[in-house]
């Protein structure tokens, strides 16, 4: 999970955005973004989606890279899916 926060931070910096600017674009608090970037909080899939949209990147763009990075990212994505709340059964 650490890698997701570092990637978000790096992409934010590549786009010359502050945490506050990206948080505003993603409609999350700066504190939430800070926790995600420092790996103190695991983002929900919905939060990741809004961050990616604010950075103007797709999930596949975010996950692309070397084969090693892709394998690590796939593992991280699986961890997110497993950590997501279960749907309510009726």
PDB file of N, CA and C in Angstrom:
ATOM      1  N   UNK A   1       0.800  -1.199   0.000  1.00  0.00           N
ATOM      2  CA  UNK A   1       0.000   0.000   0.000  1.00  0.00           C
ATOM      3  C   UNK A   1       0.846   1.268   0.000  1.00  0.00           C
ATOM      4  N   UNK A   2       2.044   1.172   0.594  1.00  0.00           N
ATOM      5  CA  UNK A   2       2.909   2.339   0.647  1.00  0.00           C
ATOM      6  C   UNK A   2       3.143   2.911  -0.740  1.00  0.00           C
ATOM      7  N   UNK A   3       3.260   2.026  -1.707  1.00  0.00           N
ATOM      8  CA  UNK A   3       3.586   2.445  -3.055  1.00  0.00           C
ATOM      9  C   UNK A   3       2.500   3.332  -3.654  1.00  0.00           C
ATOM     10  N   UNK A   4       1.256   3.097  -3.362  1.00  0.00           N
ATOM     11  CA  UNK A   4       0.163   3.902  -3.903  1.00  0.00           C
ATOM     12  C   UNK A   4       0.307   5.347  -3.433  1.00  0.00           C
ATOM     13  N   UNK A   5       0.556   5.549  -2.148  1.00  0.00           N
ATOM     14  CA  UNK A   5       0.732   6.898  -1.624  1.00  0.00           C
ATOM     15  C   UNK A   5       1.915   7.604  -2.249  1.00  0.00           C
ATOM     16  N   UNK A   6       3.013   6.865  -2.412  1.00  0.00           N
ATOM     17  CA  UNK A   6       4.211   7.468  -3.033  1.00  0.00           C
ATOM     18  C   UNK A   6       3.938   7.825  -4.489  1.00  0.00           C
ATOM     19  N   UNK A   7       3.210   6.966  -5.196  1.00  0.00           N
ATOM     20  CA  UNK A   7       2.894   7.242  -6.601  1.00  0.00           C
ATOM     21  C   UNK A   7       2.001   8.476  -6.721  1.00  0.00           C
ATOM     22  N   UNK A   8       1.010   8.569  -5.859  1.00  0.00           N
ATOM     23  CA  UNK A   8       0.117   9.735  -5.896  1.00  0.00           C
ATOM     24  C   UNK A   8       0.929  11.001  -5.633  1.00  0.00           C
ATOM     25  N   UNK A   9       1.792  10.950  -4.632  1.00  0.00           N
ATOM     26  CA  UNK A   9       2.630  12.097  -4.301  1.00  0.00           C
ATOM     27  C   UNK A   9       3.520  12.493  -5.478  1.00  0.00           C
ATOM     28  N   UNK A  10       4.146  11.497  -6.100  1.00  0.00           N
ATOM     29  CA  UNK A  10       5.033  11.778  -7.238  1.00  0.00           C
ATOM     30  C   UNK A  10       4.265  12.373  -8.407  1.00  0.00           C
ATOM     31  N   UNK A  11       3.088  11.832  -8.698  1.00  0.00           N
ATOM     32  CA  UNK A  11       2.292  12.355  -9.810  1.00  0.00           C
ATOM     33  C   UNK A  11       1.790  13.766  -9.513  1.00  0.00           C
ATOM     34  N   UNK A  12       1.431  13.994  -8.255  1.00  0.00           N
ATOM     35  CA  UNK A  12       1.000  15.335  -7.853  1.00  0.00           C
ATOM     36  C   UNK A  12       2.136  16.329  -8.062  1.00  0.00           C
ATOM     37  N   UNK A  13       3.335  15.941  -7.640  1.00  0.00           N
ATOM     38  CA  UNK A  13       4.495  16.820  -7.779  1.00  0.00           C
ATOM     39  C   UNK A  13       4.867  17.028  -9.246  1.00  0.00           C
ATOM     40  N   UNK A  14       4.725  15.988 -10.084  1.00  0.00           N
ATOM     41  CA  UNK A  14       4.990  16.121 -11.520  1.00  0.00           C
ATOM     42  C   UNK A  14       4.076  17.159 -12.154  1.00  0.00           C
ATOM     43  N   UNK A  15       2.868  17.268 -11.626  1.00  0.00           N
ATOM     44  CA  UNK A  15       1.902  18.230 -12.153  1.00  0.00           C
ATOM     45  C   UNK A  15       1.980  19.576 -11.424  1.00  0.00           C
ATOM     46  N   UNK A  16       3.002  19.713 -10.580  1.00  0.00           N
ATOM     47  CA  UNK A  16       3.235  20.953  -9.833  1.00  0.00           C
ATOM     48  C   UNK A  16       2.020  21.380  -9.010  1.00  0.00           C
ATOM     49  N   UNK A  17       1.403  20.408  -8.357  1.00  0.00           N
ATOM     50  CA  UNK A  17       0.258  20.677  -7.488  1.00  0.00           C
ATOM     51  C   UNK A  17       0.664  20.504  -6.033  1.00  0.00           C
ATOM     52  N   UNK A  18       0.118  21.344  -5.181  1.00  0.00           N
ATOM     53  CA  UNK A  18       0.295  21.150  -3.749  1.00  0.00           C
ATOM     54  C   UNK A  18      -0.733  20.120  -3.283  1.00  0.00           C
ATOM     55  N   UNK A  19      -0.553  19.627  -2.070  1.00  0.00           N
ATOM     56  CA  UNK A  19      -1.561  18.713  -1.520  1.00  0.00           C
ATOM     57  C   UNK A  19      -2.909  19.407  -1.447  1.00  0.00           C
ATOM     58  N   UNK A  20      -2.903  20.644  -1.046  1.00  0.00           N
ATOM     59  CA  UNK A  20      -4.155  21.394  -0.924  1.00  0.00           C
ATOM     60  C   UNK A  20      -4.848  21.533  -2.280  1.00  0.00           C
ATOM     61  N   UNK A  21      -4.088  21.830  -3.319  1.00  0.00           N
ATOM     62  CA  UNK A  21      -4.676  21.975  -4.652  1.00  0.00           C
ATOM     63  C   UNK A  21      -5.271  20.663  -5.142  1.00  0.00           C
ATOM     64  N   UNK A  22      -4.512  19.566  -4.996  1.00  0.00           N
ATOM     65  CA  UNK A  22      -5.027  18.271  -5.441  1.00  0.00           C
ATOM     66  C   UNK A  22      -6.243  17.858  -4.619  1.00  0.00           C
ATOM     67  N   UNK A  23      -6.186  18.083  -3.324  1.00  0.00           N
ATOM     68  CA  UNK A  23      -7.321  17.739  -2.463  1.00  0.00           C
ATOM     69  C   UNK A  23      -8.578  18.491  -2.906  1.00  0.00           C
ATOM     70  N   UNK A  24      -8.425  19.766  -3.215  1.00  0.00           N
ATOM     71  CA  UNK A  24      -9.571  20.550  -3.678  1.00  0.00           C
ATOM     72  C   UNK A  24     -10.115  20.001  -4.997  1.00  0.00           C
ATOM     73  N   UNK A  25      -9.230  19.660  -5.920  1.00  0.00           N
ATOM     74  CA  UNK A  25      -9.660  19.098  -7.204  1.00  0.00           C
ATOM     75  C   UNK A  25     -10.364  17.756  -7.019  1.00  0.00           C
ATOM     76  N   UNK A  26      -9.875  16.965  -6.071  1.00  0.00           N
ATOM     77  CA  UNK A  26     -10.438  15.636  -5.825  1.00  0.00           C
ATOM     78  C   UNK A  26     -11.621  15.667  -4.863  1.00  0.00           C
ATOM     79  N   UNK A  27     -11.907  16.836  -4.322  1.00  0.00           N
ATOM     80  CA  UNK A  27     -13.022  17.009  -3.376  1.00  0.00           C
ATOM     81  C   UNK A  27     -12.853  16.138  -2.126  1.00  0.00           C
ATOM     82  N   UNK A  28     -11.600  16.114  -1.626  1.00  0.00           N
ATOM     83  CA  UNK A  28     -11.289  15.464  -0.357  1.00  0.00           C
ATOM     84  C   UNK A  28     -10.534  16.485   0.483  1.00  0.00           C
ATOM     85  N   UNK A  29     -10.353  16.201   1.749  1.00  0.00           N
ATOM     86  CA  UNK A  29      -9.614  17.140   2.581  1.00  0.00           C
ATOM     87  C   UNK A  29      -8.118  16.974   2.357  1.00  0.00           C
ATOM     88  N   UNK A  30      -7.387  18.040   2.635  1.00  0.00           N
ATOM     89  CA  UNK A  30      -5.929  17.986   2.517  1.00  0.00           C
ATOM     90  C   UNK A  30      -5.378  16.970   3.504  1.00  0.00           C
ATOM     91  N   UNK A  31      -5.999  16.878   4.672  1.00  0.00           N
ATOM     92  CA  UNK A  31      -5.558  15.913   5.679  1.00  0.00           C
ATOM     93  C   UNK A  31      -5.709  14.483   5.158  1.00  0.00           C
ATOM     94  N   UNK A  32      -6.816  14.194   4.491  1.00  0.00           N
ATOM     95  CA  UNK A  32      -7.021  12.860   3.923  1.00  0.00           C
ATOM     96  C   UNK A  32      -5.942  12.539   2.907  1.00  0.00           C
ATOM     97  N   UNK A  33      -5.657  13.493   2.017  1.00  0.00           N
ATOM     98  CA  UNK A  33      -4.615  13.275   1.010  1.00  0.00           C
ATOM     99  C   UNK A  33      -3.261  13.065   1.675  1.00  0.00           C
ATOM    100  N   UNK A  34      -2.982  13.830   2.694  1.00  0.00           N
ATOM    101  CA  UNK A  34      -1.720  13.690   3.416  1.00  0.00           C
ATOM    102  C   UNK A  34      -1.595  12.296   4.026  1.00  0.00           C
ATOM    103  N   UNK A  35      -2.669  11.824   4.651  1.00  0.00           N
ATOM    104  CA  UNK A  35      -2.662  10.479   5.235  1.00  0.00           C
ATOM    105  C   UNK A  35      -2.459   9.406   4.166  1.00  0.00           C
ATOM    106  N   UNK A  36      -3.079   9.583   3.004  1.00  0.00           N
ATOM    107  CA  UNK A  36      -2.929   8.612   1.920  1.00  0.00           C
ATOM    108  C   UNK A  36      -1.493   8.617   1.406  1.00  0.00           C
ATOM    109  N   UNK A  37      -0.962   9.806   1.151  1.00  0.00           N
ATOM    110  CA  UNK A  37       0.398   9.897   0.620  1.00  0.00           C
ATOM    111  C   UNK A  37       1.440   9.364   1.596  1.00  0.00           C
ATOM    112  N   UNK A  38       1.177   9.492   2.883  1.00  0.00           N
ATOM    113  CA  UNK A  38       2.129   9.007   3.884  1.00  0.00           C
ATOM    114  C   UNK A  38       1.798   7.584   4.349  1.00  0.00           C
ATOM    115  N   UNK A  39       0.849   6.957   3.686  1.00  0.00           N
ATOM    116  CA  UNK A  39       0.439   5.571   3.969  1.00  0.00           C
ATOM    117  C   UNK A  39      -0.108   5.376   5.375  1.00  0.00           C
ATOM    118  N   UNK A  40      -0.677   6.427   5.939  1.00  0.00           N
ATOM    119  CA  UNK A  40      -1.316   6.313   7.249  1.00  0.00           C
ATOM    120  C   UNK A  40      -2.788   5.950   7.110  1.00  0.00           C
ATOM    121  N   UNK A  41      -3.304   6.033   5.881  1.00  0.00           N
ATOM    122  CA  UNK A  41      -4.706   5.707   5.629  1.00  0.00           C
ATOM    123  C   UNK A  41      -4.800   5.012   4.278  1.00  0.00           C
ATOM    124  N   UNK A  42      -5.583   3.947   4.229  1.00  0.00           N
ATOM    125  CA  UNK A  42      -5.827   3.256   2.971  1.00  0.00           C
ATOM    126  C   UNK A  42      -7.017   3.913   2.278  1.00  0.00           C
ATOM    127  N   UNK A  43      -6.818   4.391   1.063  1.00  0.00           N
ATOM    128  CA  UNK A  43      -7.929   5.052   0.369  1.00  0.00           C
ATOM    129  C   UNK A  43      -8.952   4.045  -0.137  1.00  0.00           C
ATOM    130  N   UNK A  44     -10.193   4.467  -0.171  1.00  0.00           N
ATOM    131  CA  UNK A  44     -11.230   3.630  -0.774  1.00  0.00           C
ATOM    132  C   UNK A  44     -11.062   3.690  -2.293  1.00  0.00           C
ATOM    133  N   UNK A  45     -11.693   2.781  -2.981  1.00  0.00           N
ATOM    134  CA  UNK A  45     -11.658   2.787  -4.439  1.00  0.00           C
ATOM    135  C   UNK A  45     -12.271   4.085  -4.959  1.00  0.00           C
ATOM    136  N   UNK A  46     -13.324   4.532  -4.314  1.00  0.00           N
ATOM    137  CA  UNK A  46     -13.980   5.781  -4.720  1.00  0.00           C
ATOM    138  C   UNK A  46     -13.031   6.971  -4.563  1.00  0.00           C
ATOM    139  N   UNK A  47     -12.311   7.029  -3.448  1.00  0.00           N
ATOM    140  CA  UNK A  47     -11.367   8.120  -3.227  1.00  0.00           C
ATOM    141  C   UNK A  47     -10.241   8.071  -4.252  1.00  0.00           C
ATOM    142  N   UNK A  48      -9.716   6.871  -4.514  1.00  0.00           N
ATOM    143  CA  UNK A  48      -8.679   6.736  -5.543  1.00  0.00           C
ATOM    144  C   UNK A  48      -9.195   7.227  -6.886  1.00  0.00           C
ATOM    145  N   UNK A  49     -10.418   6.890  -7.201  1.00  0.00           N
ATOM    146  CA  UNK A  49     -11.013   7.303  -8.463  1.00  0.00           C
ATOM    147  C   UNK A  49     -11.073   8.822  -8.576  1.00  0.00           C
ATOM    148  N   UNK A  50     -11.451   9.500  -7.500  1.00  0.00           N
ATOM    149  CA  UNK A  50     -11.524  10.961  -7.558  1.00  0.00           C
ATOM    150  C   UNK A  50     -10.123  11.590  -7.638  1.00  0.00           C
ATOM    151  N   UNK A  51      -9.157  10.965  -6.984  1.00  0.00           N
ATOM    152  CA  UNK A  51      -7.776  11.465  -7.067  1.00  0.00           C
ATOM    153  C   UNK A  51      -7.253  11.288  -8.487  1.00  0.00           C
ATOM    154  N   UNK A  52      -7.479  10.109  -9.083  1.00  0.00           N
ATOM    155  CA  UNK A  52      -7.023   9.865 -10.451  1.00  0.00           C
ATOM    156  C   UNK A  52      -7.673  10.856 -11.411  1.00  0.00           C
ATOM    157  N   UNK A  53      -8.967  11.101 -11.231  1.00  0.00           N
ATOM    158  CA  UNK A  53      -9.666  12.051 -12.097  1.00  0.00           C
ATOM    159  C   UNK A  53      -9.068  13.449 -11.945  1.00  0.00           C
ATOM    160  N   UNK A  54      -8.768  13.843 -10.722  1.00  0.00           N
ATOM    161  CA  UNK A  54      -8.181  15.160 -10.481  1.00  0.00           C
ATOM    162  C   UNK A  54      -6.789  15.268 -11.103  1.00  0.00           C
ATOM    163  N   UNK A  55      -6.055  14.160 -11.118  1.00  0.00           N
ATOM    164  CA  UNK A  55      -4.724  14.137 -11.736  1.00  0.00           C
ATOM    165  C   UNK A  55      -4.810  13.943 -13.254  1.00  0.00           C
ATOM    166  N   UNK A  56      -6.031  13.712 -13.740  1.00  0.00           N
ATOM    167  CA  UNK A  56      -6.304  13.478 -15.158  1.00  0.00           C
ATOM    168  C   UNK A  56      -5.540  12.265 -15.681  1.00  0.00           C
ATOM    169  N   UNK A  57      -5.623  11.183 -14.910  1.00  0.00           N
ATOM    170  CA  UNK A  57      -5.025   9.920 -15.318  1.00  0.00           C
ATOM    171  C   UNK A  57      -6.044   8.803 -15.115  1.00  0.00           C
ATOM    172  N   UNK A  58      -5.887   7.742 -15.870  1.00  0.00           N
ATOM    173  CA  UNK A  58      -6.755   6.582 -15.689  1.00  0.00           C
ATOM    174  C   UNK A  58      -6.098   5.624 -14.700  1.00  0.00           C
ATOM    175  N   UNK A  59      -6.869   4.702 -14.201  1.00  0.00           N
ATOM    176  CA  UNK A  59      -6.319   3.695 -13.293  1.00  0.00           C
ATOM    177  C   UNK A  59      -5.244   2.892 -14.017  1.00  0.00           C
ATOM    178  N   UNK A  60      -5.485   2.565 -15.289  1.00  0.00           N
ATOM    179  CA  UNK A  60      -4.478   1.795 -16.038  1.00  0.00           C
ATOM    180  C   UNK A  60      -3.194   2.601 -16.211  1.00  0.00           C
ATOM    181  N   UNK A  61      -3.305   3.924 -16.424  1.00  0.00           N
ATOM    182  CA  UNK A  61      -2.110   4.767 -16.506  1.00  0.00           C
ATOM    183  C   UNK A  61      -1.360   4.750 -15.176  1.00  0.00           C
ATOM    184  N   UNK A  62      -2.114   4.819 -14.102  1.00  0.00           N
ATOM    185  CA  UNK A  62      -1.505   4.820 -12.776  1.00  0.00           C
ATOM    186  C   UNK A  62      -0.763   3.509 -12.520  1.00  0.00           C
ATOM    187  N   UNK A  63      -1.359   2.416 -12.945  1.00  0.00           N
ATOM    188  CA  UNK A  63      -0.784   1.105 -12.685  1.00  0.00           C
ATOM    189  C   UNK A  63       0.288   0.695 -13.684  1.00  0.00           C
ATOM    190  N   UNK A  64       0.397   1.434 -14.800  1.00  0.00           N
ATOM    191  CA  UNK A  64       1.377   1.051 -15.812  1.00  0.00           C
ATOM    192  C   UNK A  64       2.795   1.344 -15.349  1.00  0.00           C
ATOM    193  N   UNK A  65       3.731   0.682 -15.966  1.00  0.00           N
ATOM    194  CA  UNK A  65       5.136   0.836 -15.627  1.00  0.00           C
ATOM    195  C   UNK A  65       5.865  -0.443 -15.954  1.00  0.00           C
ATOM    196  N   UNK A  66       6.933  -0.707 -15.252  1.00  0.00           N
ATOM    197  CA  UNK A  66       7.687  -1.925 -15.502  1.00  0.00           C
ATOM    198  C   UNK A  66       6.870  -3.126 -15.046  1.00  0.00           C
ATOM    199  N   UNK A  67       7.261  -4.285 -15.523  1.00  0.00           N
ATOM    200  CA  UNK A  67       6.559  -5.505 -15.135  1.00  0.00           C
ATOM    201  C   UNK A  67       6.552  -5.666 -13.626  1.00  0.00           C
ATOM    202  N   UNK A  68       7.678  -5.368 -12.987  1.00  0.00           N
ATOM    203  CA  UNK A  68       7.765  -5.474 -11.527  1.00  0.00           C
ATOM    204  C   UNK A  68       6.775  -4.528 -10.862  1.00  0.00           C
ATOM    205  N   UNK A  69       6.699  -3.283 -11.379  1.00  0.00           N
ATOM    206  CA  UNK A  69       5.753  -2.321 -10.814  1.00  0.00           C
ATOM    207  C   UNK A  69       4.321  -2.774 -11.034  1.00  0.00           C
ATOM    208  N   UNK A  70       4.047  -3.354 -12.211  1.00  0.00           N
ATOM    209  CA  UNK A  70       2.698  -3.833 -12.482  1.00  0.00           C
ATOM    210  C   UNK A  70       2.311  -4.952 -11.537  1.00  0.00           C
ATOM    211  N   UNK A  71       3.242  -5.868 -11.272  1.00  0.00           N
ATOM    212  CA  UNK A  71       2.942  -6.953 -10.342  1.00  0.00           C
ATOM    213  C   UNK A  71       2.689  -6.407  -8.950  1.00  0.00           C
ATOM    214  N   UNK A  72       3.498  -5.448  -8.531  1.00  0.00           N
ATOM    215  CA  UNK A  72       3.305  -4.862  -7.211  1.00  0.00           C
ATOM    216  C   UNK A  72       1.980  -4.106  -7.160  1.00  0.00           C
ATOM    217  N   UNK A  73       1.664  -3.352  -8.231  1.00  0.00           N
ATOM    218  CA  UNK A  73       0.418  -2.599  -8.270  1.00  0.00           C
ATOM    219  C   UNK A  73      -0.785  -3.534  -8.274  1.00  0.00           C
ATOM    220  N   UNK A  74      -0.682  -4.657  -8.979  1.00  0.00           N
ATOM    221  CA  UNK A  74      -1.777  -5.616  -8.987  1.00  0.00           C
ATOM    222  C   UNK A  74      -2.015  -6.157  -7.585  1.00  0.00           C
ATOM    223  N   UNK A  75      -0.949  -6.403  -6.872  1.00  0.00           N
ATOM    224  CA  UNK A  75      -1.058  -6.864  -5.496  1.00  0.00           C
ATOM    225  C   UNK A  75      -1.718  -5.798  -4.628  1.00  0.00           C
ATOM    226  N   UNK A  76      -1.326  -4.544  -4.847  1.00  0.00           N
ATOM    227  CA  UNK A  76      -1.914  -3.446  -4.076  1.00  0.00           C
ATOM    228  C   UNK A  76      -3.393  -3.287  -4.401  1.00  0.00           C
ATOM    229  N   UNK A  77      -3.759  -3.434  -5.670  1.00  0.00           N
ATOM    230  CA  UNK A  77      -5.158  -3.343  -6.064  1.00  0.00           C
ATOM    231  C   UNK A  77      -5.964  -4.454  -5.403  1.00  0.00           C
ATOM    232  N   UNK A  78      -5.398  -5.657  -5.362  1.00  0.00           N
ATOM    233  CA  UNK A  78      -6.071  -6.772  -4.699  1.00  0.00           C
ATOM    234  C   UNK A  78      -6.281  -6.463  -3.222  1.00  0.00           C
ATOM    235  N   UNK A  79      -5.278  -5.848  -2.582  1.00  0.00           N
ATOM    236  CA  UNK A  79      -5.410  -5.477  -1.171  1.00  0.00           C
ATOM    237  C   UNK A  79      -6.535  -4.468  -0.982  1.00  0.00           C
ATOM    238  N   UNK A  80      -6.671  -3.523  -1.914  1.00  0.00           N
ATOM    239  CA  UNK A  80      -7.746  -2.547  -1.826  1.00  0.00           C
ATOM    240  C   UNK A  80      -9.105  -3.219  -1.948  1.00  0.00           C
ATOM    241  N   UNK A  81      -9.206  -4.144  -2.892  1.00  0.00           N
ATOM    242  CA  UNK A  81     -10.472  -4.849  -3.095  1.00  0.00           C
ATOM    243  C   UNK A  81     -10.839  -5.637  -1.839  1.00  0.00           C
ATOM    244  N   UNK A  82      -9.858  -6.306  -1.258  1.00  0.00           N
ATOM    245  CA  UNK A  82     -10.114  -7.096  -0.055  1.00  0.00           C
ATOM    246  C   UNK A  82     -10.459  -6.213   1.142  1.00  0.00           C
ATOM    247  N   UNK A  83      -9.913  -4.996   1.187  1.00  0.00           N
ATOM    248  CA  UNK A  83     -10.159  -4.100   2.304  1.00  0.00           C
ATOM    249  C   UNK A  83     -11.478  -3.330   2.159  1.00  0.00           C
ATOM    250  N   UNK A  84     -12.036  -3.341   0.956  1.00  0.00           N
ATOM    251  CA  UNK A  84     -13.279  -2.597   0.703  1.00  0.00           C
ATOM    252  C   UNK A  84     -14.411  -3.222   1.503  1.00  0.00           C
ATOM    253  N   UNK A  85     -15.342  -2.374   1.963  1.00  0.00           N
ATOM    254  CA  UNK A  85     -16.486  -2.916   2.699  1.00  0.00           C
ATOM    255  C   UNK A  85     -17.320  -3.833   1.816  1.00  0.00           C
ATOM    256  N   UNK A  86     -17.851  -4.866   2.417  1.00  0.00           N
ATOM    257  CA  UNK A  86     -18.693  -5.816   1.688  1.00  0.00           C
ATOM    258  C   UNK A  86     -20.040  -5.182   1.373  1.00  0.00           C
ATOM    259  N   UNK A  87     -20.604  -5.544   0.207  1.00  0.00           N
ATOM    260  CA  UNK A  87     -21.945  -5.035  -0.099  1.00  0.00           C
ATOM    261  C   UNK A  87     -22.954  -5.601   0.916  1.00  0.00           C
ATOM    262  N   UNK A  88     -23.983  -4.867   1.120  1.00  0.00           N
ATOM    263  CA  UNK A  88     -25.036  -5.294   2.047  1.00  0.00           C
ATOM    264  C   UNK A  88     -25.884  -6.357   1.368  1.00  0.00           C
ATOM    265  N   UNK A  89     -26.070  -7.467   2.038  1.00  0.00           N
ATOM    266  CA  UNK A  89     -26.916  -8.542   1.518  1.00  0.00           C
ATOM    267  C   UNK A  89     -28.332  -8.348   2.008  1.00  0.00           C
ATOM    268  N   UNK A  90     -29.252  -8.601   1.125  1.00  0.00           N
ATOM    269  CA  UNK A  90     -30.667  -8.484   1.514  1.00  0.00           C
ATOM    270  C   UNK A  90     -31.246  -9.836   1.803  1.00  0.00           C
TER     271      UNK A  90
END
